[in-house]
Structure formats: structure tokens, C-alpha cells
């Protein structure tokens, strides 16, 4: 097992960037560089991703920040980053656009403020691109509600299909998948099928009548509306899969619908951005890895990173963030606690397990480990942290590099 390890100078997003230059060799000419994290709500990960974003924007020419945020909701945050609206609107926008409180840590909001300030002073601007299903499958409404105005302009008769879907979706709407899945499971099966059918019929009508839609409102409006609808369909299938897994009736890897949509949305953006645009993609390690997500010996999903790797090849690079010790945010489903259907516990990290990438990097401190020399040799680490547990994965095949933080801590201002 051979890693190339490069020491990093620190976490300060405003510090000089020379120590990050080895990352340039890892990513090469990739158009999409994914920055993961082994748990959400971690202060060190948020600061590191901000610092790496600065490096990729200022030194490598990246012009798009993509996030684990709803495609439909993300348009509003992009407008704010381009200078629209007052500065103090960010907390509300972040809550609306980024699900499950992922933008509540001050360090994440600081990153968005940096993007807005940079856009006011420099060109080209850094765009924001949401890639996720609406509300991370917590509600279909953020994707469906904007379609009412669009259909009023292009196809008023189709409102009956949209209204039927909205009526059912309203009854299961929550703020996260953790809230919505139990309601979906309790939904009358006939209503669940009616929701899926209404969305399918509406998508078919969009495609069948596309020439008249384009004549009425143009290609750009059609593309956004059609992809919003596709996000609602993917969220519906995701909820069906999660509910089935809870009930013990789901097919294996049934929760892959969301991953497929996220990967397809990255490609949707690449197809519409300038040909030389490069995109920074921030999501959980388990979303960005190239290999199947295996937990407790079972394949759970085929992640976004696997789909992107198959589609983009060398144009996709994945960098994981992990920690050797300290504390982490452990998430537990709990409908009675907080606004998201889960509780966040400040948990102690046990010493790294033998065979983990964290054990392999023990003692290196804050560092970037280039994993590519170990790829395919079968001797590398076979697991990586997931909150307080581990995901089984051939780590050198799953990621191009790992950034190792010696100690992590949960953000202090979650308000959950």
C-alpha cells in the first residue's frame, strides 16, 4: 500500500493556499471535483471545504459551486450569490434551499458569504447549482409548486395532472426524508400509486407536447421545468424505496433513485454551462464515492459518484474528508425531536479500526493523501468512517484522495 501524503498548513479559509498545490496533480483536468465529508455538521470539514473551494476557484479556474441542495430550490440561492437581495437574507435562503439544516453551521454560511463577496469584486462569477431531489426527498412540493405558473403559460389543461399530484404530495410533505418516509409508508397504496401515475403522465405530456411548450416559453424555461418535474419523480421513487425498506418489501438498492438523479443533474448543468466551466461538488462521502455503498455487508445504493464516474471518466475526481479522532455528529431518526425528523448527538469517535483509511493515516496530522498509487492493488484500506460507524469500501478505488483531519468536532450553532 503506497499513499503520497502531503502535509497541510491549517484550516483557516483565508490562509495562503500554497500547501494545497498537490491537489492540482490529483484532480488533473477534471471538470467535476467532488469534496466529501464523513459526517455532516462538522466544523473542520466545513472550513476545509471552504479553503479548498478558494483554491479551486482562485488557482484552478472553477466557476460553479454545486451542493447537496435541491435543484429547484437552488436557483434562489444562486441569485443571492450573484448579488440579488440583502446580505441578511442568507439564513432564510440557506434554510429553504439546503435541506436538513446542512447550512446551519456558521462555517458553511461563511463560505457562501465569501462567494457573494468574491462575485461582487471579481469575474467570472461563481455560480451555485443545486443537484438534489426536492428537500432531499422530504417533500415533492419545492419542485411541483413552481410548475403551476409554467403550465399556466404553456398548457393550462395539464394543471389537472399537476393538481392531483400536489394534493397527494401535500399530505406527505416534511422537511427531510426522515420525516416524509413514515408518512409515505402510511399512505393508502392506491394514493401512492395515483401520485406516481400523475407524475408519470405529466412527464409524458411534457415530452409529447414539447414543441408547443418551446414555442410558448422557450428552451431554457422548458429545460428547468422539465427537470423540476424529474426531481419530483425521483423523490417519489426514493420515498417509495425507503418506505419499502422500512416495511421489508423493497428490492435491493431501492434507494438509488436519488443518487441517479443527482448524477444526472450534474450532467444537466454541464450540458448548459460554458464548455470550459469546472464544477466543485460538495456532498457526503457516501454520495461522491465511485464504488457501491456497502453497509453491514449489503449493497445499499449505487451512489452519485459511481454514476458520474461511469459517465465522465477522467472528468470526475472524488476527494473524501475524514477524521482520525475527536467527536462527530451522529444522526438518529426521531420524529419527535427538532424540525427535521432526526436528532443530532455529539458523539466521541473511537480509535480507528484496523483496515480503515483512518488507521492507515494515523499520526500524519492534517494532510492530503493521494490514493491513486494504491488503486487496484488490493492491499489498501477496506473501510472509511461514516459518522460513528464505517462503510465497507476499497477506499483507493472509491476516492482519488483523502483529506485527513486529526480531530474533528461538531459545529456549535446548529440549533437543532
Protein backbone atom coordinates (compact mmCIF):
# COMPACT_ATOMS: atom_id res chain seq x y z
CA UNK A 1 0.00 0.00 0.00
CA UNK A 2 1.51 3.31 -1.11
CA UNK A 3 0.00 6.73 -0.46
CA UNK A 4 1.56 10.06 -1.32
CA UNK A 5 0.95 12.19 1.77
CA UNK A 6 1.21 15.99 1.69
CA UNK A 7 1.01 17.99 4.90
CA UNK A 8 -1.49 20.85 5.00
CA UNK A 9 -0.80 24.08 6.83
CA UNK A 10 -4.15 24.59 8.52
CA UNK A 11 -7.90 25.03 8.31
CA UNK A 12 -8.19 28.80 8.02
CA UNK A 13 -10.15 29.56 4.83
CA UNK A 14 -8.32 32.90 4.49
CA UNK A 15 -4.80 31.48 4.83
CA UNK A 16 -2.32 31.22 1.91
CA UNK A 17 -3.04 28.33 -0.43
CA UNK A 18 0.38 27.04 -1.49
CA UNK A 19 0.12 23.90 0.64
CA UNK A 20 -2.89 22.80 -1.44
CA UNK A 21 -0.93 22.74 -4.71
CA UNK A 22 -0.55 18.90 -4.61
CA UNK A 23 -4.33 18.74 -5.08
CA UNK A 24 -3.84 20.12 -8.58
CA UNK A 25 -1.98 16.96 -9.56
CA UNK A 26 -4.72 14.76 -8.06
CA UNK A 27 -7.59 16.34 -9.96
CA UNK A 28 -5.79 16.93 -13.25
CA UNK A 29 -8.15 18.42 -15.82
CA UNK A 30 -11.35 17.02 -14.27
CA UNK A 31 -14.42 19.17 -14.90
CA UNK A 32 -16.11 17.94 -11.71
CA UNK A 33 -14.27 17.68 -8.40
CA UNK A 34 -16.29 16.26 -5.52
CA UNK A 35 -15.44 17.21 -1.93
CA UNK A 36 -16.99 14.78 0.53
CA UNK A 37 -17.23 14.55 4.30
CA UNK A 38 -17.76 11.52 6.52
CA UNK A 39 -20.43 13.29 8.58
CA UNK A 40 -22.49 16.44 8.28
CA UNK A 41 -22.36 19.32 10.80
CA UNK A 42 -18.58 19.08 11.39
CA UNK A 43 -16.74 22.38 11.85
CA UNK A 44 -13.38 21.23 10.47
CA UNK A 45 -14.91 19.75 7.32
CA UNK A 46 -16.82 22.95 6.56
CA UNK A 47 -13.72 25.11 6.98
CA UNK A 48 -11.60 22.75 4.86
CA UNK A 49 -14.15 22.65 2.05
CA UNK A 50 -14.29 26.46 2.08
CA UNK A 51 -10.49 26.60 1.85
CA UNK A 52 -10.33 24.02 -0.93
CA UNK A 53 -13.10 25.87 -2.80
CA UNK A 54 -10.95 29.01 -2.65
CA UNK A 55 -8.02 27.07 -4.10
CA UNK A 56 -10.10 25.57 -6.89
CA UNK A 57 -11.68 28.91 -7.79
CA UNK A 58 -8.62 31.15 -7.46
CA UNK A 59 -5.94 28.84 -8.81
CA UNK A 60 -7.70 26.25 -10.97
CA UNK A 61 -10.46 28.28 -12.64
CA UNK A 62 -13.54 26.57 -11.17
CA UNK A 63 -16.67 28.68 -11.63
CA UNK A 64 -19.54 26.60 -10.20
CA UNK A 65 -20.28 25.52 -6.63
CA UNK A 66 -22.64 22.57 -6.59
CA UNK A 67 -24.09 21.34 -3.32
CA UNK A 68 -26.24 18.66 -1.75
CA UNK A 69 -29.16 21.04 -2.33
CA UNK A 70 -32.41 20.71 -4.26
CA UNK A 71 -32.16 21.55 -7.95
CA UNK A 72 -35.38 23.52 -7.82
CA UNK A 73 -34.60 25.34 -4.58
CA UNK A 74 -31.01 26.17 -5.54
CA UNK A 75 -31.95 28.80 -8.12
CA UNK A 76 -32.85 31.28 -5.37
CA UNK A 77 -29.50 30.84 -3.61
CA UNK A 78 -27.68 31.31 -6.91
CA UNK A 79 -29.44 34.66 -7.39
CA UNK A 80 -28.33 35.77 -3.90
CA UNK A 81 -24.74 34.77 -4.59
CA UNK A 82 -24.86 36.88 -7.76
CA UNK A 83 -25.79 39.92 -5.65
CA UNK A 84 -29.60 39.92 -5.54
CA UNK A 85 -31.30 40.66 -2.23
CA UNK A 86 -29.91 41.95 1.06
CA UNK A 87 -26.94 40.39 2.84
CA UNK A 88 -29.02 39.31 5.83
CA UNK A 89 -31.27 37.13 3.66
CA UNK A 90 -28.77 34.26 3.69
CA UNK A 91 -30.05 32.38 6.80
CA UNK A 92 -33.56 32.13 5.34
CA UNK A 93 -32.32 31.23 1.86
CA UNK A 94 -29.93 28.63 3.19
CA UNK A 95 -32.69 27.03 5.26
CA UNK A 96 -35.04 26.98 2.25
CA UNK A 97 -32.50 25.81 -0.31
CA UNK A 98 -30.28 23.36 1.57
CA UNK A 99 -32.11 20.52 3.33
CA UNK A 100 -31.85 19.12 6.83
CA UNK A 101 -30.09 22.12 8.33
CA UNK A 102 -26.85 21.40 6.44
CA UNK A 103 -26.20 25.14 6.07
CA UNK A 104 -26.86 25.97 9.73
CA UNK A 105 -23.21 25.77 10.84
CA UNK A 106 -21.71 29.26 10.70
CA UNK A 107 -18.72 27.88 8.78
CA UNK A 108 -20.98 26.85 5.86
CA UNK A 109 -22.72 30.22 5.74
CA UNK A 110 -19.31 31.93 5.86
CA UNK A 111 -18.40 30.06 2.67
CA UNK A 112 -21.50 31.36 0.90
CA UNK A 113 -20.76 34.90 2.08
CA UNK A 114 -17.26 34.56 0.65
CA UNK A 115 -18.70 33.53 -2.73
CA UNK A 116 -21.07 36.53 -2.75
CA UNK A 117 -18.29 38.95 -1.78
CA UNK A 118 -15.97 37.49 -4.40
CA UNK A 119 -18.65 37.75 -7.07
CA UNK A 120 -19.10 41.43 -6.26
CA UNK A 121 -15.40 42.09 -6.80
CA UNK A 122 -14.19 39.56 -9.38
CA UNK A 123 -15.07 37.90 -12.67
CA UNK A 124 -16.09 35.39 -13.80
CA UNK A 125 -18.73 34.89 -11.11
CA UNK A 126 -19.06 31.65 -9.18
CA UNK A 127 -22.48 30.16 -9.87
CA UNK A 128 -24.46 27.94 -7.50
CA UNK A 129 -26.02 24.73 -8.83
CA UNK A 130 -28.38 22.63 -6.74
CA UNK A 131 -28.32 18.97 -7.73
CA UNK A 132 -30.57 17.09 -5.31
CA UNK A 133 -34.18 15.98 -5.36
CA UNK A 134 -36.51 18.44 -3.60
CA UNK A 135 -35.91 18.67 0.16
CA UNK A 136 -33.63 15.62 -0.09
CA UNK A 137 -36.86 13.65 -0.69
CA UNK A 138 -38.56 15.34 2.24
CA UNK A 139 -41.21 16.94 0.05
CA UNK A 140 -42.10 16.99 -3.62
CA UNK A 141 -43.62 20.46 -3.35
CA UNK A 142 -40.47 22.58 -3.94
CA UNK A 143 -40.28 21.02 -7.40
CA UNK A 144 -44.01 20.84 -8.14
CA UNK A 145 -45.19 24.24 -6.91
CA UNK A 146 -43.18 26.29 -9.46
CA UNK A 147 -44.73 24.25 -12.29
CA UNK A 148 -48.14 25.85 -11.77
CA UNK A 149 -47.08 29.15 -13.27
CA UNK A 150 -45.21 27.48 -16.08
CA UNK A 151 -48.17 25.31 -17.08
CA UNK A 152 -50.50 28.31 -16.90
CA UNK A 153 -48.42 29.80 -19.70
CA UNK A 154 -47.84 26.74 -21.86
CA UNK A 155 -50.55 24.12 -21.15
CA UNK A 156 -53.34 25.11 -18.74
CA UNK A 157 -55.17 21.81 -19.31
CA UNK A 158 -52.25 19.90 -17.74
CA UNK A 159 -52.92 21.59 -14.40
CA UNK A 160 -55.33 18.78 -13.54
CA UNK A 161 -52.41 16.31 -13.52
CA UNK A 162 -50.23 18.67 -11.51
CA UNK A 163 -53.01 19.46 -9.04
CA UNK A 164 -53.68 15.76 -8.48
CA UNK A 165 -50.01 15.20 -7.67
CA UNK A 166 -49.80 18.26 -5.42
CA UNK A 167 -52.88 17.21 -3.44
CA UNK A 168 -51.35 13.85 -2.55
CA UNK A 169 -47.81 15.19 -2.10
CA UNK A 170 -49.06 17.80 0.37
CA UNK A 171 -50.20 15.05 2.71
CA UNK A 172 -46.73 13.53 2.99
CA UNK A 173 -44.64 16.73 2.87
CA UNK A 174 -41.97 17.15 5.51
CA UNK A 175 -38.62 18.86 5.73
CA UNK A 176 -36.48 15.76 5.22
CA UNK A 177 -36.72 12.18 4.01
CA UNK A 178 -36.67 11.11 7.67
CA UNK A 179 -39.97 12.95 8.18
CA UNK A 180 -41.64 12.10 4.87
CA UNK A 181 -40.85 8.37 4.64
CA UNK A 182 -43.05 7.30 7.58
CA UNK A 183 -45.96 9.29 6.13
CA UNK A 184 -45.37 7.70 2.73
CA UNK A 185 -45.35 4.28 4.36
CA UNK A 186 -48.71 5.05 6.00
CA UNK A 187 -50.20 6.37 2.76
CA UNK A 188 -53.03 4.36 1.20
CA UNK A 189 -51.32 2.27 -1.53
CA UNK A 190 -53.91 3.46 -4.04
CA UNK A 191 -52.95 7.09 -3.33
CA UNK A 192 -49.24 6.28 -3.58
CA UNK A 193 -49.86 4.69 -6.97
CA UNK A 194 -52.02 7.65 -8.01
CA UNK A 195 -49.18 10.04 -7.17
CA UNK A 196 -46.66 8.04 -9.19
CA UNK A 197 -49.11 7.79 -12.09
CA UNK A 198 -49.91 11.51 -12.11
CA UNK A 199 -46.22 12.40 -12.19
CA UNK A 200 -45.57 9.89 -14.96
CA UNK A 201 -48.47 11.14 -17.05
CA UNK A 202 -47.37 14.74 -16.59
CA UNK A 203 -43.80 13.90 -17.64
CA UNK A 204 -45.11 12.13 -20.73
CA UNK A 205 -47.22 15.18 -21.61
CA UNK A 206 -44.20 17.48 -21.23
CA UNK A 207 -42.25 15.29 -23.64
CA UNK A 208 -45.09 14.71 -26.09
CA UNK A 209 -46.06 18.38 -26.33
CA UNK A 210 -42.53 19.77 -26.08
CA UNK A 211 -42.76 21.60 -29.45
CA UNK A 212 -45.73 23.67 -28.28
CA UNK A 213 -44.16 24.26 -24.85
CA UNK A 214 -40.99 25.51 -26.54
CA UNK A 215 -42.94 27.80 -28.85
CA UNK A 216 -44.80 29.28 -25.89
CA UNK A 217 -41.96 29.84 -23.41
CA UNK A 218 -38.61 28.88 -24.93
CA UNK A 219 -36.00 26.20 -24.38
CA UNK A 220 -34.47 27.46 -21.12
CA UNK A 221 -37.79 27.62 -19.27
CA UNK A 222 -38.77 24.19 -20.60
CA UNK A 223 -35.49 22.64 -19.50
CA UNK A 224 -35.81 23.94 -15.93
CA UNK A 225 -39.49 23.00 -15.61
CA UNK A 226 -38.94 19.53 -17.05
CA UNK A 227 -36.02 18.87 -14.70
CA UNK A 228 -38.01 20.10 -11.72
CA UNK A 229 -40.63 17.53 -12.63
CA UNK A 230 -37.96 14.85 -12.97
CA UNK A 231 -36.77 15.75 -9.47
CA UNK A 232 -40.27 15.23 -8.09
CA UNK A 233 -40.48 11.86 -9.82
CA UNK A 234 -37.10 10.79 -8.40
CA UNK A 235 -38.15 11.91 -4.91
CA UNK A 236 -41.37 9.89 -5.22
CA UNK A 237 -39.40 6.77 -6.16
CA UNK A 238 -36.89 7.46 -3.38
CA UNK A 239 -39.67 7.67 -0.77
CA UNK A 240 -41.25 4.52 -2.15
CA UNK A 241 -37.91 2.75 -1.82
CA UNK A 242 -37.23 3.99 1.73
CA UNK A 243 -40.75 3.15 2.85
CA UNK A 244 -40.41 -0.31 1.31
CA UNK A 245 -37.09 -0.84 3.07
CA UNK A 246 -38.74 0.08 6.37
CA UNK A 247 -41.54 -2.38 5.69
CA UNK A 248 -39.19 -5.10 4.47
CA UNK A 249 -40.70 -5.16 0.98
CA UNK A 250 -38.16 -3.16 -1.03
CA UNK A 251 -35.93 -4.55 -3.74
CA UNK A 252 -32.17 -4.38 -3.07
CA UNK A 253 -30.60 -0.94 -3.54
CA UNK A 254 -34.09 0.54 -3.81
CA UNK A 255 -32.94 3.95 -2.58
CA UNK A 256 -30.76 4.64 -5.62
CA UNK A 257 -33.30 6.92 -7.35
CA UNK A 258 -32.00 9.99 -5.54
CA UNK A 259 -28.38 9.15 -6.42
CA UNK A 260 -29.20 8.67 -10.09
CA UNK A 261 -31.00 12.00 -10.20
CA UNK A 262 -28.13 13.85 -8.50
CA UNK A 263 -25.64 12.45 -11.00
CA UNK A 264 -27.94 13.26 -13.91
CA UNK A 265 -28.38 16.80 -12.58
CA UNK A 266 -24.63 17.37 -12.52
CA UNK A 267 -24.63 16.37 -16.17
CA UNK A 268 -27.70 18.60 -16.79
CA UNK A 269 -25.67 21.57 -15.54
CA UNK A 270 -22.54 20.63 -17.50
CA UNK A 271 -24.59 20.48 -20.69
CA UNK A 272 -25.81 24.06 -20.13
CA UNK A 273 -22.70 25.75 -18.74
CA UNK A 274 -19.83 27.09 -20.79
CA UNK A 275 -17.79 24.23 -22.29
CA UNK A 276 -14.79 25.20 -20.15
CA UNK A 277 -16.77 25.50 -16.89
CA UNK A 278 -15.50 23.42 -13.97
CA UNK A 279 -17.69 22.42 -11.05
CA UNK A 280 -16.96 21.85 -7.33
CA UNK A 281 -19.42 19.31 -5.92
CA UNK A 282 -19.95 19.18 -2.15
CA UNK A 283 -21.81 16.19 -0.69
CA UNK A 284 -21.35 13.36 1.81
CA UNK A 285 -18.54 10.88 1.16
CA UNK A 286 -21.18 8.19 0.62
CA UNK A 287 -22.69 10.23 -2.23
CA UNK A 288 -19.43 11.01 -4.04
CA UNK A 289 -17.60 7.66 -3.84
CA UNK A 290 -17.12 5.68 -7.04
CA UNK A 291 -17.98 2.28 -5.57
CA UNK A 292 -21.29 0.86 -4.30
CA UNK A 293 -22.29 1.89 -0.79
CA UNK A 294 -21.98 -1.23 1.35
CA UNK A 295 -23.15 -1.21 4.94
CA UNK A 296 -23.20 -4.26 7.20
CA UNK A 297 -22.36 -6.46 4.21
CA UNK A 298 -25.24 -5.29 1.99
CA UNK A 299 -25.21 -3.00 -1.03
CA UNK A 300 -27.45 -0.11 -0.01
CA UNK A 301 -27.23 2.18 -3.06
CA UNK A 302 -25.24 2.84 -6.19
CA UNK A 303 -24.08 6.36 -5.33
CA UNK A 304 -23.93 9.51 -7.38
CA UNK A 305 -20.16 9.17 -7.69
CA UNK A 306 -20.44 5.76 -9.31
CA UNK A 307 -22.85 7.14 -11.92
CA UNK A 308 -20.62 10.18 -12.54
CA UNK A 309 -17.53 8.02 -12.86
CA UNK A 310 -19.26 5.87 -15.49
CA UNK A 311 -20.47 8.96 -17.38
CA UNK A 312 -17.48 11.31 -17.06
CA UNK A 313 -14.45 9.09 -16.60
CA UNK A 314 -11.34 11.22 -16.07
CA UNK A 315 -13.53 14.33 -15.91
CA UNK A 316 -14.63 13.23 -12.42
CA UNK A 317 -12.41 13.34 -9.32
CA UNK A 318 -13.52 12.45 -5.79
CA UNK A 319 -11.86 13.67 -2.60
CA UNK A 320 -13.06 12.34 0.76
CA UNK A 321 -12.75 14.18 4.06
CA UNK A 322 -12.37 12.15 7.23
CA UNK A 323 -11.09 12.42 10.78
CA UNK A 324 -8.86 10.25 12.92
CA UNK A 325 -10.38 11.18 16.26
CA UNK A 326 -12.27 13.75 18.24
CA UNK A 327 -16.04 13.97 18.00
CA UNK A 328 -18.69 13.64 15.32
CA UNK A 329 -22.37 14.24 14.67
CA UNK A 330 -24.36 11.02 14.96
CA UNK A 331 -27.83 11.19 13.39
CA UNK A 332 -30.79 9.16 14.65
CA UNK A 333 -34.33 9.12 13.22
CA UNK A 334 -36.67 10.73 15.76
CA UNK A 335 -39.93 12.29 14.63
CA UNK A 336 -40.44 13.99 17.99
CA UNK A 337 -37.16 15.94 18.12
CA UNK A 338 -36.33 19.03 16.11
CA UNK A 339 -37.60 20.19 12.74
CA UNK A 340 -36.03 17.51 10.55
CA UNK A 341 -37.21 14.16 11.85
CA UNK A 342 -33.85 13.22 13.35
CA UNK A 343 -31.76 14.15 16.36
CA UNK A 344 -28.09 15.06 16.28
CA UNK A 345 -25.89 13.70 19.04
CA UNK A 346 -22.39 14.92 19.82
CA UNK A 347 -20.55 11.58 19.86
CA UNK A 348 -16.99 10.54 20.68
CA UNK A 349 -15.01 8.88 17.90
CA UNK A 350 -13.34 5.64 18.96
CA UNK A 351 -9.76 4.97 17.76
CA UNK A 352 -9.68 3.99 14.08
CA UNK A 353 -10.43 0.36 13.26
CA UNK A 354 -7.66 -1.76 11.75
CA UNK A 355 -8.06 -1.82 7.98
CA UNK A 356 -9.61 1.65 7.83
CA UNK A 357 -8.15 4.57 5.93
CA UNK A 358 -8.12 6.46 9.23
CA UNK A 359 -5.85 3.78 10.74
CA UNK A 360 -3.59 3.97 7.69
CA UNK A 361 -3.25 7.73 8.17
CA UNK A 362 -2.86 7.68 11.95
CA UNK A 363 -0.15 10.07 13.03
CA UNK A 364 0.07 12.07 9.80
CA UNK A 365 -1.83 15.05 11.19
CA UNK A 366 -3.68 17.38 8.83
CA UNK A 367 -2.79 16.03 5.41
CA UNK A 368 -3.86 15.29 1.85
CA UNK A 369 -3.29 11.64 0.91
CA UNK A 370 -3.14 10.88 -2.81
CA UNK A 371 -4.64 7.38 -3.05
CA UNK A 372 -4.08 6.77 -6.73
CA UNK A 373 -0.80 4.83 -6.34
CA UNK A 374 -2.69 2.25 -4.25
CA UNK A 375 -5.57 1.86 -6.69
CA UNK A 376 -6.29 -1.66 -7.84
CA UNK A 377 -3.55 -3.38 -5.84
CA UNK A 378 -5.98 -4.97 -3.39
CA UNK A 379 -3.90 -4.04 -0.36
CA UNK A 380 -5.38 -0.68 0.54
CA UNK A 381 -7.87 0.21 3.29
CA UNK A 382 -11.23 -1.51 3.05
CA UNK A 383 -13.35 0.91 5.11
CA UNK A 384 -13.90 4.59 5.88
CA UNK A 385 -15.74 6.32 8.70
CA UNK A 386 -19.45 7.07 8.43
CA UNK A 387 -20.40 9.16 11.48
CA UNK A 388 -19.53 6.77 14.36
CA UNK A 389 -19.56 3.64 12.17
CA UNK A 390 -17.79 2.53 8.97
CA UNK A 391 -18.69 1.93 5.35
CA UNK A 392 -17.02 -1.01 3.65
CA UNK A 393 -15.25 0.15 0.50
CA UNK A 394 -11.97 -0.33 -1.35
CA UNK A 395 -11.04 3.22 -0.40
CA UNK A 396 -8.37 3.75 -3.08
CA UNK A 397 -10.90 2.74 -5.75
CA UNK A 398 -13.69 4.82 -4.22
CA UNK A 399 -11.73 8.09 -4.00
CA UNK A 400 -8.76 9.77 -5.65
CA UNK A 401 -7.62 11.33 -2.40
CA UNK A 402 -8.49 11.67 1.28
CA UNK A 403 -8.01 14.77 3.40
CA UNK A 404 -7.30 13.61 6.95
CA UNK A 405 -8.17 15.77 9.95
CA UNK A 406 -6.58 14.53 13.18
CA UNK A 407 -9.51 15.63 15.37
CA UNK A 408 -12.99 16.82 14.45
CA UNK A 409 -15.79 18.44 16.40
CA UNK A 410 -19.46 19.12 15.86
CA UNK A 411 -20.42 22.69 14.91
CA UNK A 412 -21.62 24.68 17.89
CA UNK A 413 -24.53 26.63 16.41
CA UNK A 414 -26.82 24.03 14.85
CA UNK A 415 -29.94 24.98 16.79
CA UNK A 416 -31.35 21.50 16.24
